[in-house]
Amino acid sequence: MKINDEVIAHIAKLLQLAMITGTDIVDNMRLMRLTAKDNELLLETEYAKNSESNISKMLNEVESLSNVEELQDGE
């Protein structure tokens, strides 16, 4: 069996997420859900949707906090 490119890209995102948040990548990888199809490991569809949604929410929060800090620094 081989790992699909989408899974490899997701692992890279998890590594980046762990570095940004200071969390252990192992914790993030334990949550990852895979499925097998045509001799490949793929991300489960529901997991992929939820994960992307969670990452987007987190990035939006970081952006919002950054904007608030910029406003406070400008005062």
C-alpha atoms as a PDB file:
ATOM      1  CA  MET A   1       0.000   0.000   0.000  1.00  0.00           C
ATOM      2  CA  LYS A   2       1.170   3.544  -0.645  1.00  0.00           C
ATOM      3  CA  ILE A   3       0.262   6.848   0.967  1.00  0.00           C
ATOM      4  CA  ASN A   4      -1.737   9.200  -1.241  1.00  0.00           C
ATOM      5  CA  ASP A   5      -0.277  12.667  -1.929  1.00  0.00           C
ATOM      6  CA  GLU A   6      -3.196  14.263  -0.073  1.00  0.00           C
ATOM      7  CA  VAL A   7      -2.187  12.380   3.084  1.00  0.00           C
ATOM      8  CA  ILE A   8       1.440  13.492   2.697  1.00  0.00           C
ATOM      9  CA  ALA A   9       0.323  17.121   2.299  1.00  0.00           C
ATOM     10  CA  HIS A  10      -1.911  16.769   5.358  1.00  0.00           C
ATOM     11  CA  ILE A  11       0.982  15.423   7.443  1.00  0.00           C
ATOM     12  CA  ALA A  12       3.008  18.477   6.368  1.00  0.00           C
ATOM     13  CA  LYS A  13       0.137  20.717   7.543  1.00  0.00           C
ATOM     14  CA  LEU A  14       0.014  18.875  10.850  1.00  0.00           C
ATOM     15  CA  LEU A  15       3.748  19.416  11.300  1.00  0.00           C
ATOM     16  CA  GLN A  16       3.347  23.133  10.562  1.00  0.00           C
ATOM     17  CA  LEU A  17       0.403  23.320  12.946  1.00  0.00           C
ATOM     18  CA  ALA A  18       2.426  21.616  15.687  1.00  0.00           C
ATOM     19  CA  MET A  19       5.305  24.035  15.171  1.00  0.00           C
ATOM     20  CA  ILE A  20       3.042  27.106  15.223  1.00  0.00           C
ATOM     21  CA  THR A  21       1.056  26.034  18.277  1.00  0.00           C
ATOM     22  CA  GLY A  22       3.906  24.365  20.144  1.00  0.00           C
ATOM     23  CA  THR A  23       1.947  21.129  20.388  1.00  0.00           C
ATOM     24  CA  ASP A  24       3.211  17.605  19.873  1.00  0.00           C
ATOM     25  CA  ILE A  25       2.653  16.407  16.286  1.00  0.00           C
ATOM     26  CA  VAL A  26       1.938  12.930  17.661  1.00  0.00           C
ATOM     27  CA  ASP A  27      -1.243  14.238  19.286  1.00  0.00           C
ATOM     28  CA  ASN A  28      -2.400  15.674  15.957  1.00  0.00           C
ATOM     29  CA  MET A  29      -1.496  12.541  14.012  1.00  0.00           C
ATOM     30  CA  ARG A  30      -3.434  10.335  16.418  1.00  0.00           C
ATOM     31  CA  LEU A  31      -6.576  12.158  15.337  1.00  0.00           C
ATOM     32  CA  MET A  32      -5.906  11.498  11.635  1.00  0.00           C
ATOM     33  CA  ARG A  33      -8.299   9.026  10.014  1.00  0.00           C
ATOM     34  CA  LEU A  34      -7.368   7.104   6.872  1.00  0.00           C
ATOM     35  CA  THR A  35      -9.162   4.726   4.562  1.00  0.00           C
ATOM     36  CA  ALA A  36      -7.808   2.250   2.023  1.00  0.00           C
ATOM     37  CA  LYS A  37      -8.859   2.307  -1.629  1.00  0.00           C
ATOM     38  CA  ASP A  38      -7.136   0.936  -4.722  1.00  0.00           C
ATOM     39  CA  ASN A  39      -4.037  -0.006  -2.715  1.00  0.00           C
ATOM     40  CA  GLU A  40      -3.656   3.578  -1.390  1.00  0.00           C
ATOM     41  CA  LEU A  41      -4.195   5.161   1.997  1.00  0.00           C
ATOM     42  CA  LEU A  42      -6.483   8.202   1.724  1.00  0.00           C
ATOM     43  CA  LEU A  43      -7.843  10.704   4.226  1.00  0.00           C
ATOM     44  CA  GLU A  44     -11.380   9.858   5.297  1.00  0.00           C
ATOM     45  CA  THR A  45     -13.683  12.405   3.663  1.00  0.00           C
ATOM     46  CA  GLU A  46     -15.369  13.546   6.884  1.00  0.00           C
ATOM     47  CA  TYR A  47     -12.031  13.854   8.696  1.00  0.00           C
ATOM     48  CA  ALA A  48     -10.558  15.909   5.822  1.00  0.00           C
ATOM     49  CA  LYS A  49     -13.540  18.313   5.871  1.00  0.00           C
ATOM     50  CA  ASN A  50     -13.453  18.739   9.647  1.00  0.00           C
ATOM     51  CA  SER A  51      -9.695  19.173   9.713  1.00  0.00           C
ATOM     52  CA  GLU A  52      -9.703  21.872   7.011  1.00  0.00           C
ATOM     53  CA  SER A  53     -12.547  23.651   8.785  1.00  0.00           C
ATOM     54  CA  ASN A  54     -10.698  23.580  12.110  1.00  0.00           C
ATOM     55  CA  ILE A  55      -7.465  24.844  10.534  1.00  0.00           C
ATOM     56  CA  SER A  56      -9.333  27.678   8.783  1.00  0.00           C
ATOM     57  CA  LYS A  57     -11.032  28.693  12.028  1.00  0.00           C
ATOM     58  CA  MET A  58      -7.722  28.697  13.859  1.00  0.00           C
ATOM     59  CA  LEU A  59      -6.031  30.809  11.171  1.00  0.00           C
ATOM     60  CA  ASN A  60      -8.933  33.283  11.244  1.00  0.00           C
ATOM     61  CA  GLU A  61      -8.582  33.562  15.028  1.00  0.00           C
ATOM     62  CA  VAL A  62      -4.838  34.152  14.709  1.00  0.00           C
ATOM     63  CA  GLU A  63      -5.470  36.833  12.090  1.00  0.00           C
ATOM     64  CA  SER A  64      -8.094  38.497  14.282  1.00  0.00           C
ATOM     65  CA  LEU A  65      -5.768  38.494  17.283  1.00  0.00           C
ATOM     66  CA  SER A  66      -2.979  39.897  15.158  1.00  0.00           C
ATOM     67  CA  ASN A  67      -5.241  42.729  13.976  1.00  0.00           C
ATOM     68  CA  VAL A  68      -6.247  43.514  17.569  1.00  0.00           C
ATOM     69  CA  GLU A  69      -2.590  43.634  18.626  1.00  0.00           C
ATOM     70  CA  GLU A  70      -1.759  45.968  15.739  1.00  0.00           C
ATOM     71  CA  LEU A  71      -4.589  48.293  16.762  1.00  0.00           C
ATOM     72  CA  GLN A  72      -3.424  48.272  20.379  1.00  0.00           C
ATOM     73  CA  ASP A  73       0.180  48.956  19.355  1.00  0.00           C
ATOM     74  CA  GLY A  74      -0.993  51.910  17.269  1.00  0.00           C
ATOM     75  CA  GLU A  75      -2.739  53.626  20.182  1.00  0.00           C
END
